[in-house]
């Protein structure tokens, strides 16, 4: 997993990921065993209601903000058995600074 420390690095991956806001079809109704590796060095359940879905990308990719102040971009693959791959992570504050630089309100 890539750890992003600068606003410019975050802006670059935001554009590469082609992120969209969550919509009414966005679902995290996965088994409790489906977890993602987070930048806070913990594994979080995808269905944990304390995580905030910031954005989505296709197919089945999420940007989630955890309760410990980290944002992580990950993908879920598989139908009967899901596998999660975390691509990048950053501190929530740095992610917010990147959004502000892009003029995105949150």
PDB file of N, CA and C in Angstrom:
ATOM      1  N   UNK A   1       0.847  -1.169   0.000  1.00  0.00           N
ATOM      2  CA  UNK A   1       0.000   0.000   0.000  1.00  0.00           C
ATOM      3  C   UNK A   1       0.896   1.237   0.000  1.00  0.00           C
ATOM      4  N   UNK A   2       0.533   2.179  -0.838  1.00  0.00           N
ATOM      5  CA  UNK A   2       1.273   3.428  -0.974  1.00  0.00           C
ATOM      6  C   UNK A   2       0.827   4.410   0.109  1.00  0.00           C
ATOM      7  N   UNK A   3       1.778   5.015   0.808  1.00  0.00           N
ATOM      8  CA  UNK A   3       1.473   6.025   1.822  1.00  0.00           C
ATOM      9  C   UNK A   3       1.742   7.390   1.204  1.00  0.00           C
ATOM     10  N   UNK A   4       0.690   8.207   1.126  1.00  0.00           N
ATOM     11  CA  UNK A   4       0.798   9.533   0.522  1.00  0.00           C
ATOM     12  C   UNK A   4       0.961  10.585   1.603  1.00  0.00           C
ATOM     13  N   UNK A   5       1.967  11.436   1.450  1.00  0.00           N
ATOM     14  CA  UNK A   5       2.257  12.436   2.471  1.00  0.00           C
ATOM     15  C   UNK A   5       2.071  13.867   1.999  1.00  0.00           C
ATOM     16  N   UNK A   6       1.945  14.079   0.683  1.00  0.00           N
ATOM     17  CA  UNK A   6       1.838  15.449   0.184  1.00  0.00           C
ATOM     18  C   UNK A   6       0.509  15.669  -0.529  1.00  0.00           C
ATOM     19  N   UNK A   7       0.072  16.907  -0.505  1.00  0.00           N
ATOM     20  CA  UNK A   7      -1.169  17.294  -1.170  1.00  0.00           C
ATOM     21  C   UNK A   7      -1.082  17.001  -2.666  1.00  0.00           C
ATOM     22  N   UNK A   8       0.048  17.286  -3.290  1.00  0.00           N
ATOM     23  CA  UNK A   8       0.199  17.056  -4.727  1.00  0.00           C
ATOM     24  C   UNK A   8       0.103  15.575  -5.088  1.00  0.00           C
ATOM     25  N   UNK A   9       0.671  14.710  -4.249  1.00  0.00           N
ATOM     26  CA  UNK A   9       0.556  13.265  -4.491  1.00  0.00           C
ATOM     27  C   UNK A   9      -0.897  12.808  -4.396  1.00  0.00           C
ATOM     28  N   UNK A  10      -1.619  13.355  -3.445  1.00  0.00           N
ATOM     29  CA  UNK A  10      -3.033  12.991  -3.269  1.00  0.00           C
ATOM     30  C   UNK A  10      -3.853  13.461  -4.460  1.00  0.00           C
ATOM     31  N   UNK A  11      -3.622  14.663  -4.918  1.00  0.00           N
ATOM     32  CA  UNK A  11      -4.354  15.176  -6.079  1.00  0.00           C
ATOM     33  C   UNK A  11      -4.111  14.285  -7.293  1.00  0.00           C
ATOM     34  N   UNK A  12      -2.884  13.846  -7.473  1.00  0.00           N
ATOM     35  CA  UNK A  12      -2.559  12.975  -8.602  1.00  0.00           C
ATOM     36  C   UNK A  12      -3.360  11.668  -8.541  1.00  0.00           C
ATOM     37  N   UNK A  13      -3.397  11.008  -7.386  1.00  0.00           N
ATOM     38  CA  UNK A  13      -4.112   9.733  -7.301  1.00  0.00           C
ATOM     39  C   UNK A  13      -5.627   9.915  -7.352  1.00  0.00           C
ATOM     40  N   UNK A  14      -6.124  11.055  -6.908  1.00  0.00           N
ATOM     41  CA  UNK A  14      -7.564  11.333  -7.019  1.00  0.00           C
ATOM     42  C   UNK A  14      -7.969  11.334  -8.485  1.00  0.00           C
ATOM     43  N   UNK A  15      -7.191  12.002  -9.318  1.00  0.00           N
ATOM     44  CA  UNK A  15      -7.513  12.045 -10.750  1.00  0.00           C
ATOM     45  C   UNK A  15      -7.319  10.685 -11.414  1.00  0.00           C
ATOM     46  N   UNK A  16      -6.287   9.958 -11.030  1.00  0.00           N
ATOM     47  CA  UNK A  16      -6.045   8.632 -11.609  1.00  0.00           C
ATOM     48  C   UNK A  16      -7.162   7.649 -11.266  1.00  0.00           C
ATOM     49  N   UNK A  17      -7.729   7.756 -10.071  1.00  0.00           N
ATOM     50  CA  UNK A  17      -8.746   6.808  -9.610  1.00  0.00           C
ATOM     51  C   UNK A  17     -10.132   7.098 -10.196  1.00  0.00           C
ATOM     52  N   UNK A  18     -10.326   8.274 -10.770  1.00  0.00           N
ATOM     53  CA  UNK A  18     -11.634   8.664 -11.332  1.00  0.00           C
ATOM     54  C   UNK A  18     -12.742   8.483 -10.299  1.00  0.00           C
ATOM     55  N   UNK A  19     -12.586   9.163  -9.185  1.00  0.00           N
ATOM     56  CA  UNK A  19     -13.511   9.028  -8.065  1.00  0.00           C
ATOM     57  C   UNK A  19     -14.840   9.719  -8.328  1.00  0.00           C
ATOM     58  N   UNK A  20     -15.884   9.137  -7.763  1.00  0.00           N
ATOM     59  CA  UNK A  20     -17.237   9.682  -7.823  1.00  0.00           C
ATOM     60  C   UNK A  20     -17.798   9.734  -6.410  1.00  0.00           C
ATOM     61  N   UNK A  21     -18.770  10.617  -6.174  1.00  0.00           N
ATOM     62  CA  UNK A  21     -19.391  10.612  -4.843  1.00  0.00           C
ATOM     63  C   UNK A  21     -20.208   9.340  -4.639  1.00  0.00           C
ATOM     64  N   UNK A  22     -20.376   8.903  -3.395  1.00  0.00           N
ATOM     65  CA  UNK A  22     -21.235   7.740  -3.154  1.00  0.00           C
ATOM     66  C   UNK A  22     -22.653   8.050  -3.630  1.00  0.00           C
ATOM     67  N   UNK A  23     -23.380   7.018  -4.038  1.00  0.00           N
ATOM     68  CA  UNK A  23     -24.760   7.217  -4.484  1.00  0.00           C
ATOM     69  C   UNK A  23     -25.676   6.262  -3.739  1.00  0.00           C
ATOM     70  N   UNK A  24     -26.952   6.276  -4.076  1.00  0.00           N
ATOM     71  CA  UNK A  24     -27.916   5.458  -3.334  1.00  0.00           C
ATOM     72  C   UNK A  24     -27.696   3.956  -3.526  1.00  0.00           C
ATOM     73  N   UNK A  25     -26.924   3.569  -4.531  1.00  0.00           N
ATOM     74  CA  UNK A  25     -26.620   2.159  -4.746  1.00  0.00           C
ATOM     75  C   UNK A  25     -25.328   1.719  -4.061  1.00  0.00           C
ATOM     76  N   UNK A  26     -24.599   2.666  -3.473  1.00  0.00           N
ATOM     77  CA  UNK A  26     -23.361   2.349  -2.775  1.00  0.00           C
ATOM     78  C   UNK A  26     -23.690   1.515  -1.540  1.00  0.00           C
ATOM     79  N   UNK A  27     -23.096   0.347  -1.469  1.00  0.00           N
ATOM     80  CA  UNK A  27     -23.399  -0.563  -0.366  1.00  0.00           C
ATOM     81  C   UNK A  27     -22.124  -1.105   0.248  1.00  0.00           C
ATOM     82  N   UNK A  28     -22.147  -1.220   1.561  1.00  0.00           N
ATOM     83  CA  UNK A  28     -21.047  -1.869   2.276  1.00  0.00           C
ATOM     84  C   UNK A  28     -21.586  -3.072   3.049  1.00  0.00           C
ATOM     85  N   UNK A  29     -22.605  -3.680   2.523  1.00  0.00           N
ATOM     86  CA  UNK A  29     -23.218  -4.843   3.186  1.00  0.00           C
ATOM     87  C   UNK A  29     -22.415  -6.100   2.877  1.00  0.00           C
ATOM     88  N   UNK A  30     -21.265  -6.166   3.507  1.00  0.00           N
ATOM     89  CA  UNK A  30     -20.373  -7.307   3.351  1.00  0.00           C
ATOM     90  C   UNK A  30     -20.305  -8.066   4.662  1.00  0.00           C
ATOM     91  N   UNK A  31     -19.838  -9.291   4.596  1.00  0.00           N
ATOM     92  CA  UNK A  31     -19.606 -10.126   5.766  1.00  0.00           C
ATOM     93  C   UNK A  31     -18.617  -9.423   6.691  1.00  0.00           C
ATOM     94  N   UNK A  32     -18.728  -9.676   7.995  1.00  0.00           N
ATOM     95  CA  UNK A  32     -17.808  -9.072   8.972  1.00  0.00           C
ATOM     96  C   UNK A  32     -16.353  -9.450   8.741  1.00  0.00           C
ATOM     97  N   UNK A  33     -16.105 -10.516   7.994  1.00  0.00           N
ATOM     98  CA  UNK A  33     -14.735 -10.946   7.718  1.00  0.00           C
ATOM     99  C   UNK A  33     -14.066 -10.144   6.607  1.00  0.00           C
ATOM    100  N   UNK A  34     -14.816  -9.317   5.911  1.00  0.00           N
ATOM    101  CA  UNK A  34     -14.255  -8.513   4.823  1.00  0.00           C
ATOM    102  C   UNK A  34     -13.680  -7.239   5.445  1.00  0.00           C
ATOM    103  N   UNK A  35     -12.344  -7.189   5.487  1.00  0.00           N
ATOM    104  CA  UNK A  35     -11.664  -6.062   6.124  1.00  0.00           C
ATOM    105  C   UNK A  35     -10.644  -5.453   5.167  1.00  0.00           C
ATOM    106  N   UNK A  36     -10.316  -4.189   5.414  1.00  0.00           N
ATOM    107  CA  UNK A  36      -9.280  -3.540   4.614  1.00  0.00           C
ATOM    108  C   UNK A  36      -8.159  -3.044   5.527  1.00  0.00           C
ATOM    109  N   UNK A  37      -6.956  -3.035   4.970  1.00  0.00           N
ATOM    110  CA  UNK A  37      -5.796  -2.519   5.691  1.00  0.00           C
ATOM    111  C   UNK A  37      -5.816  -1.001   5.592  1.00  0.00           C
ATOM    112  N   UNK A  38      -5.695  -0.347   6.720  1.00  0.00           N
ATOM    113  CA  UNK A  38      -5.785   1.105   6.782  1.00  0.00           C
ATOM    114  C   UNK A  38      -4.415   1.697   7.130  1.00  0.00           C
ATOM    115  N   UNK A  39      -4.256   2.974   6.831  1.00  0.00           N
ATOM    116  CA  UNK A  39      -3.021   3.671   7.154  1.00  0.00           C
ATOM    117  C   UNK A  39      -2.767   3.812   8.642  1.00  0.00           C
ATOM    118  N   UNK A  40      -3.800   3.645   9.451  1.00  0.00           N
ATOM    119  CA  UNK A  40      -3.637   3.736  10.900  1.00  0.00           C
ATOM    120  C   UNK A  40      -3.052   2.445  11.477  1.00  0.00           C
ATOM    121  N   UNK A  41      -2.696   1.523  10.595  1.00  0.00           N
ATOM    122  CA  UNK A  41      -2.080   0.235  10.946  1.00  0.00           C
ATOM    123  C   UNK A  41      -3.065  -0.758  11.559  1.00  0.00           C
ATOM    124  N   UNK A  42      -4.346  -0.502  11.343  1.00  0.00           N
ATOM    125  CA  UNK A  42      -5.377  -1.437  11.779  1.00  0.00           C
ATOM    126  C   UNK A  42      -6.085  -1.988  10.552  1.00  0.00           C
ATOM    127  N   UNK A  43      -6.811  -3.070  10.753  1.00  0.00           N
ATOM    128  CA  UNK A  43      -7.705  -3.594   9.733  1.00  0.00           C
ATOM    129  C   UNK A  43      -9.122  -3.258  10.183  1.00  0.00           C
ATOM    130  N   UNK A  44      -9.901  -2.643   9.289  1.00  0.00           N
ATOM    131  CA  UNK A  44     -11.273  -2.254   9.606  1.00  0.00           C
ATOM    132  C   UNK A  44     -12.244  -3.092   8.793  1.00  0.00           C
ATOM    133  N   UNK A  45     -13.373  -3.422   9.394  1.00  0.00           N
ATOM    134  CA  UNK A  45     -14.442  -4.071   8.642  1.00  0.00           C
ATOM    135  C   UNK A  45     -14.991  -3.080   7.627  1.00  0.00           C
ATOM    136  N   UNK A  46     -15.227  -3.540   6.424  1.00  0.00           N
ATOM    137  CA  UNK A  46     -15.791  -2.680   5.390  1.00  0.00           C
ATOM    138  C   UNK A  46     -17.181  -2.202   5.817  1.00  0.00           C
ATOM    139  N   UNK A  47     -17.924  -3.050   6.530  1.00  0.00           N
ATOM    140  CA  UNK A  47     -19.279  -2.703   6.930  1.00  0.00           C
ATOM    141  C   UNK A  47     -19.361  -1.950   8.260  1.00  0.00           C
ATOM    142  N   UNK A  48     -18.234  -1.535   8.808  1.00  0.00           N
ATOM    143  CA  UNK A  48     -18.223  -0.811  10.086  1.00  0.00           C
ATOM    144  C   UNK A  48     -18.872   0.562   9.892  1.00  0.00           C
ATOM    145  N   UNK A  49     -19.968   0.841  10.618  1.00  0.00           N
ATOM    146  CA  UNK A  49     -20.665   2.118  10.430  1.00  0.00           C
ATOM    147  C   UNK A  49     -19.875   3.342  10.879  1.00  0.00           C
ATOM    148  N   UNK A  50     -18.788   3.147  11.636  1.00  0.00           N
ATOM    149  CA  UNK A  50     -17.981   4.302  12.047  1.00  0.00           C
ATOM    150  C   UNK A  50     -17.087   4.809  10.911  1.00  0.00           C
ATOM    151  N   UNK A  51     -16.908   3.996   9.862  1.00  0.00           N
ATOM    152  CA  UNK A  51     -16.146   4.440   8.698  1.00  0.00           C
ATOM    153  C   UNK A  51     -17.052   5.272   7.799  1.00  0.00           C
ATOM    154  N   UNK A  52     -16.503   6.311   7.233  1.00  0.00           N
ATOM    155  CA  UNK A  52     -17.274   7.196   6.356  1.00  0.00           C
ATOM    156  C   UNK A  52     -16.826   6.971   4.918  1.00  0.00           C
ATOM    157  N   UNK A  53     -17.783   6.659   4.050  1.00  0.00           N
ATOM    158  CA  UNK A  53     -17.472   6.501   2.625  1.00  0.00           C
ATOM    159  C   UNK A  53     -17.372   7.901   2.036  1.00  0.00           C
ATOM    160  N   UNK A  54     -16.173   8.239   1.587  1.00  0.00           N
ATOM    161  CA  UNK A  54     -15.994   9.562   0.985  1.00  0.00           C
ATOM    162  C   UNK A  54     -16.286   9.519  -0.509  1.00  0.00           C
ATOM    163  N   UNK A  55     -15.812   8.464  -1.181  1.00  0.00           N
ATOM    164  CA  UNK A  55     -15.980   8.370  -2.632  1.00  0.00           C
ATOM    165  C   UNK A  55     -15.965   6.909  -3.053  1.00  0.00           C
ATOM    166  N   UNK A  56     -16.376   6.691  -4.312  1.00  0.00           N
ATOM    167  CA  UNK A  56     -16.349   5.356  -4.905  1.00  0.00           C
ATOM    168  C   UNK A  56     -15.730   5.444  -6.287  1.00  0.00           C
ATOM    169  N   UNK A  57     -15.310   4.309  -6.784  1.00  0.00           N
ATOM    170  CA  UNK A  57     -14.828   4.186  -8.165  1.00  0.00           C
ATOM    171  C   UNK A  57     -15.214   2.789  -8.621  1.00  0.00           C
ATOM    172  N   UNK A  58     -15.197   2.575  -9.906  1.00  0.00           N
ATOM    173  CA  UNK A  58     -15.617   1.284 -10.440  1.00  0.00           C
ATOM    174  C   UNK A  58     -14.408   0.487 -10.903  1.00  0.00           C
ATOM    175  N   UNK A  59     -14.441  -0.825 -10.739  1.00  0.00           N
ATOM    176  CA  UNK A  59     -15.474  -1.628 -10.084  1.00  0.00           C
ATOM    177  C   UNK A  59     -15.186  -1.835  -8.599  1.00  0.00           C
ATOM    178  N   UNK A  60     -16.139  -1.611  -7.778  1.00  0.00           N
ATOM    179  CA  UNK A  60     -16.159  -1.865  -6.331  1.00  0.00           C
ATOM    180  C   UNK A  60     -14.905  -1.340  -5.617  1.00  0.00           C
ATOM    181  N   UNK A  61     -14.704  -0.050  -5.725  1.00  0.00           N
ATOM    182  CA  UNK A  61     -13.598   0.607  -5.033  1.00  0.00           C
ATOM    183  C   UNK A  61     -14.177   1.687  -4.124  1.00  0.00           C
ATOM    184  N   UNK A  62     -13.558   1.857  -2.978  1.00  0.00           N
ATOM    185  CA  UNK A  62     -14.032   2.820  -1.991  1.00  0.00           C
ATOM    186  C   UNK A  62     -12.891   3.689  -1.483  1.00  0.00           C
ATOM    187  N   UNK A  63     -13.221   4.922  -1.141  1.00  0.00           N
ATOM    188  CA  UNK A  63     -12.337   5.778  -0.360  1.00  0.00           C
ATOM    189  C   UNK A  63     -13.046   5.958   0.970  1.00  0.00           C
ATOM    190  N   UNK A  64     -12.429   5.427   2.037  1.00  0.00           N
ATOM    191  CA  UNK A  64     -13.065   5.495   3.357  1.00  0.00           C
ATOM    192  C   UNK A  64     -12.198   6.250   4.341  1.00  0.00           C
ATOM    193  N   UNK A  65     -12.879   6.987   5.195  1.00  0.00           N
ATOM    194  CA  UNK A  65     -12.246   7.743   6.273  1.00  0.00           C
ATOM    195  C   UNK A  65     -12.513   6.983   7.569  1.00  0.00           C
ATOM    196  N   UNK A  66     -11.458   6.563   8.257  1.00  0.00           N
ATOM    197  CA  UNK A  66     -11.641   5.784   9.489  1.00  0.00           C
ATOM    198  C   UNK A  66     -11.678   6.706  10.705  1.00  0.00           C
ATOM    199  N   UNK A  67     -12.109   6.154  11.811  1.00  0.00           N
ATOM    200  CA  UNK A  67     -12.238   6.915  13.055  1.00  0.00           C
ATOM    201  C   UNK A  67     -10.896   7.372  13.619  1.00  0.00           C
ATOM    202  N   UNK A  68      -9.791   6.814  13.117  1.00  0.00           N
ATOM    203  CA  UNK A  68      -8.459   7.168  13.606  1.00  0.00           C
ATOM    204  C   UNK A  68      -7.783   8.265  12.781  1.00  0.00           C
ATOM    205  N   UNK A  69      -8.514   8.846  11.831  1.00  0.00           N
ATOM    206  CA  UNK A  69      -7.977   9.974  11.080  1.00  0.00           C
ATOM    207  C   UNK A  69      -7.175   9.620   9.846  1.00  0.00           C
ATOM    208  N   UNK A  70      -7.514   8.509   9.193  1.00  0.00           N
ATOM    209  CA  UNK A  70      -6.847   8.122   7.954  1.00  0.00           C
ATOM    210  C   UNK A  70      -7.871   7.860   6.854  1.00  0.00           C
ATOM    211  N   UNK A  71      -7.496   8.194   5.635  1.00  0.00           N
ATOM    212  CA  UNK A  71      -8.309   7.924   4.448  1.00  0.00           C
ATOM    213  C   UNK A  71      -7.577   6.852   3.645  1.00  0.00           C
ATOM    214  N   UNK A  72      -8.316   5.820   3.219  1.00  0.00           N
ATOM    215  CA  UNK A  72      -7.721   4.708   2.475  1.00  0.00           C
ATOM    216  C   UNK A  72      -8.572   4.393   1.257  1.00  0.00           C
ATOM    217  N   UNK A  73      -7.895   4.128   0.128  1.00  0.00           N
ATOM    218  CA  UNK A  73      -8.549   3.742  -1.124  1.00  0.00           C
ATOM    219  C   UNK A  73      -8.289   2.257  -1.339  1.00  0.00           C
ATOM    220  N   UNK A  74      -9.370   1.482  -1.489  1.00  0.00           N
ATOM    221  CA  UNK A  74      -9.232   0.041  -1.633  1.00  0.00           C
ATOM    222  C   UNK A  74     -10.278  -0.520  -2.583  1.00  0.00           C
ATOM    223  N   UNK A  75     -10.024  -1.753  -3.024  1.00  0.00           N
ATOM    224  CA  UNK A  75     -10.921  -2.454  -3.947  1.00  0.00           C
ATOM    225  C   UNK A  75     -11.310  -3.800  -3.351  1.00  0.00           C
ATOM    226  N   UNK A  76     -12.568  -4.186  -3.594  1.00  0.00           N
ATOM    227  CA  UNK A  76     -13.062  -5.496  -3.168  1.00  0.00           C
ATOM    228  C   UNK A  76     -13.303  -6.317  -4.422  1.00  0.00           C
ATOM    229  N   UNK A  77     -12.728  -7.522  -4.441  1.00  0.00           N
ATOM    230  CA  UNK A  77     -12.929  -8.445  -5.565  1.00  0.00           C
ATOM    231  C   UNK A  77     -13.487  -9.750  -5.032  1.00  0.00           C
ATOM    232  N   UNK A  78     -14.258 -10.419  -5.880  1.00  0.00           N
ATOM    233  CA  UNK A  78     -14.765 -11.733  -5.540  1.00  0.00           C
ATOM    234  C   UNK A  78     -16.249 -11.733  -5.252  1.00  0.00           C
ATOM    235  N   UNK A  79     -16.901 -12.829  -5.586  1.00  0.00           N
ATOM    236  CA  UNK A  79     -18.334 -12.950  -5.371  1.00  0.00           C
ATOM    237  C   UNK A  79     -18.626 -13.801  -4.138  1.00  0.00           C
ATOM    238  N   UNK A  80     -18.133 -15.029  -4.117  1.00  0.00           N
ATOM    239  CA  UNK A  80     -18.377 -15.910  -2.979  1.00  0.00           C
ATOM    240  C   UNK A  80     -17.377 -15.664  -1.853  1.00  0.00           C
ATOM    241  N   UNK A  81     -16.157 -15.375  -2.219  1.00  0.00           N
ATOM    242  CA  UNK A  81     -15.129 -15.043  -1.235  1.00  0.00           C
ATOM    243  C   UNK A  81     -14.480 -13.731  -1.672  1.00  0.00           C
ATOM    244  N   UNK A  82     -14.617 -12.718  -0.842  1.00  0.00           N
ATOM    245  CA  UNK A  82     -14.099 -11.403  -1.198  1.00  0.00           C
ATOM    246  C   UNK A  82     -12.652 -11.237  -0.733  1.00  0.00           C
ATOM    247  N   UNK A  83     -11.896 -10.530  -1.571  1.00  0.00           N
ATOM    248  CA  UNK A  83     -10.513 -10.175  -1.249  1.00  0.00           C
ATOM    249  C   UNK A  83     -10.403  -8.660  -1.378  1.00  0.00           C
ATOM    250  N   UNK A  84      -9.766  -8.038  -0.409  1.00  0.00           N
ATOM    251  CA  UNK A  84      -9.630  -6.581  -0.400  1.00  0.00           C
ATOM    252  C   UNK A  84      -8.169  -6.207  -0.615  1.00  0.00           C
ATOM    253  N   UNK A  85      -7.954  -5.261  -1.529  1.00  0.00           N
ATOM    254  CA  UNK A  85      -6.616  -4.738  -1.799  1.00  0.00           C
ATOM    255  C   UNK A  85      -6.621  -3.242  -1.514  1.00  0.00           C
ATOM    256  N   UNK A  86      -5.787  -2.806  -0.584  1.00  0.00           N
ATOM    257  CA  UNK A  86      -5.641  -1.374  -0.294  1.00  0.00           C
ATOM    258  C   UNK A  86      -4.573  -0.805  -1.214  1.00  0.00           C
ATOM    259  N   UNK A  87      -4.914   0.284  -1.925  1.00  0.00           N
ATOM    260  CA  UNK A  87      -3.991   0.886  -2.886  1.00  0.00           C
ATOM    261  C   UNK A  87      -3.171   2.021  -2.276  1.00  0.00           C
ATOM    262  N   UNK A  88      -3.848   2.944  -1.594  1.00  0.00           N
ATOM    263  CA  UNK A  88      -3.136   4.057  -0.995  1.00  0.00           C
ATOM    264  C   UNK A  88      -3.859   4.548   0.250  1.00  0.00           C
ATOM    265  N   UNK A  89      -3.103   5.281   1.070  1.00  0.00           N
ATOM    266  CA  UNK A  89      -3.653   5.840   2.297  1.00  0.00           C
ATOM    267  C   UNK A  89      -2.966   7.162   2.600  1.00  0.00           C
ATOM    268  N   UNK A  90      -3.638   7.997   3.380  1.00  0.00           N
ATOM    269  CA  UNK A  90      -3.083   9.270   3.812  1.00  0.00           C
ATOM    270  C   UNK A  90      -3.824   9.725   5.062  1.00  0.00           C
ATOM    271  N   UNK A  91      -3.283  10.699   5.741  1.00  0.00           N
ATOM    272  CA  UNK A  91      -3.981  11.259   6.895  1.00  0.00           C
ATOM    273  C   UNK A  91      -5.181  12.068   6.409  1.00  0.00           C
ATOM    274  N   UNK A  92      -6.246  12.031   7.179  1.00  0.00           N
ATOM    275  CA  UNK A  92      -7.483  12.734   6.804  1.00  0.00           C
ATOM    276  C   UNK A  92      -7.245  14.232   6.588  1.00  0.00           C
ATOM    277  N   UNK A  93      -6.427  14.821   7.429  1.00  0.00           N
ATOM    278  CA  UNK A  93      -6.153  16.265   7.321  1.00  0.00           C
ATOM    279  C   UNK A  93      -5.461  16.587   5.990  1.00  0.00           C
ATOM    280  N   UNK A  94      -4.500  15.783   5.595  1.00  0.00           N
ATOM    281  CA  UNK A  94      -3.798  16.006   4.331  1.00  0.00           C
ATOM    282  C   UNK A  94      -4.755  15.810   3.163  1.00  0.00           C
ATOM    283  N   UNK A  95      -5.635  14.819   3.254  1.00  0.00           N
ATOM    284  CA  UNK A  95      -6.641  14.586   2.216  1.00  0.00           C
ATOM    285  C   UNK A  95      -7.579  15.789   2.112  1.00  0.00           C
ATOM    286  N   UNK A  96      -8.000  16.319   3.246  1.00  0.00           N
ATOM    287  CA  UNK A  96      -8.864  17.504   3.260  1.00  0.00           C
ATOM    288  C   UNK A  96      -8.167  18.699   2.623  1.00  0.00           C
ATOM    289  N   UNK A  97      -6.879  18.860   2.900  1.00  0.00           N
ATOM    290  CA  UNK A  97      -6.114  19.962   2.301  1.00  0.00           C
ATOM    291  C   UNK A  97      -6.062  19.819   0.781  1.00  0.00           C
ATOM    292  N   UNK A  98      -5.932  18.583   0.289  1.00  0.00           N
ATOM    293  CA  UNK A  98      -5.914  18.349  -1.161  1.00  0.00           C
ATOM    294  C   UNK A  98      -7.257  18.708  -1.773  1.00  0.00           C
ATOM    295  N   UNK A  99      -8.340  18.341  -1.104  1.00  0.00           N
ATOM    296  CA  UNK A  99      -9.673  18.681  -1.620  1.00  0.00           C
ATOM    297  C   UNK A  99      -9.881  20.185  -1.653  1.00  0.00           C
ATOM    298  N   UNK A 100      -9.423  20.871  -0.620  1.00  0.00           N
ATOM    299  CA  UNK A 100      -9.536  22.333  -0.586  1.00  0.00           C
ATOM    300  C   UNK A 100      -8.754  22.960  -1.734  1.00  0.00           C
ATOM    301  N   UNK A 101      -7.563  22.434  -2.011  1.00  0.00           N
ATOM    302  CA  UNK A 101      -6.755  22.950  -3.114  1.00  0.00           C
ATOM    303  C   UNK A 101      -7.463  22.751  -4.454  1.00  0.00           C
ATOM    304  N   UNK A 102      -8.246  21.657  -4.559  1.00  0.00           N
ATOM    305  CA  UNK A 102      -9.017  21.390  -5.781  1.00  0.00           C
ATOM    306  C   UNK A 102     -10.327  22.166  -5.834  1.00  0.00           C
ATOM    307  N   UNK A 103     -10.663  22.832  -4.735  1.00  0.00           N
ATOM    308  CA  UNK A 103     -11.916  23.591  -4.672  1.00  0.00           C
ATOM    309  C   UNK A 103     -13.133  22.725  -4.434  1.00  0.00           C
ATOM    310  N   UNK A 104     -12.922  21.553  -3.844  1.00  0.00           N
ATOM    311  CA  UNK A 104     -14.026  20.621  -3.569  1.00  0.00           C
ATOM    312  C   UNK A 104     -14.504  20.857  -2.147  1.00  0.00           C
ATOM    313  N   UNK A 105     -15.804  21.100  -2.016  1.00  0.00           N
ATOM    314  CA  UNK A 105     -16.425  21.284  -0.698  1.00  0.00           C
ATOM    315  C   UNK A 105     -16.816  19.915  -0.149  1.00  0.00           C
ATOM    316  N   UNK A 106     -16.630  19.739   1.137  1.00  0.00           N
ATOM    317  CA  UNK A 106     -16.989  18.465   1.765  1.00  0.00           C
ATOM    318  C   UNK A 106     -17.652  18.699   3.091  1.00  0.00           C
TER     319      UNK A 106
END
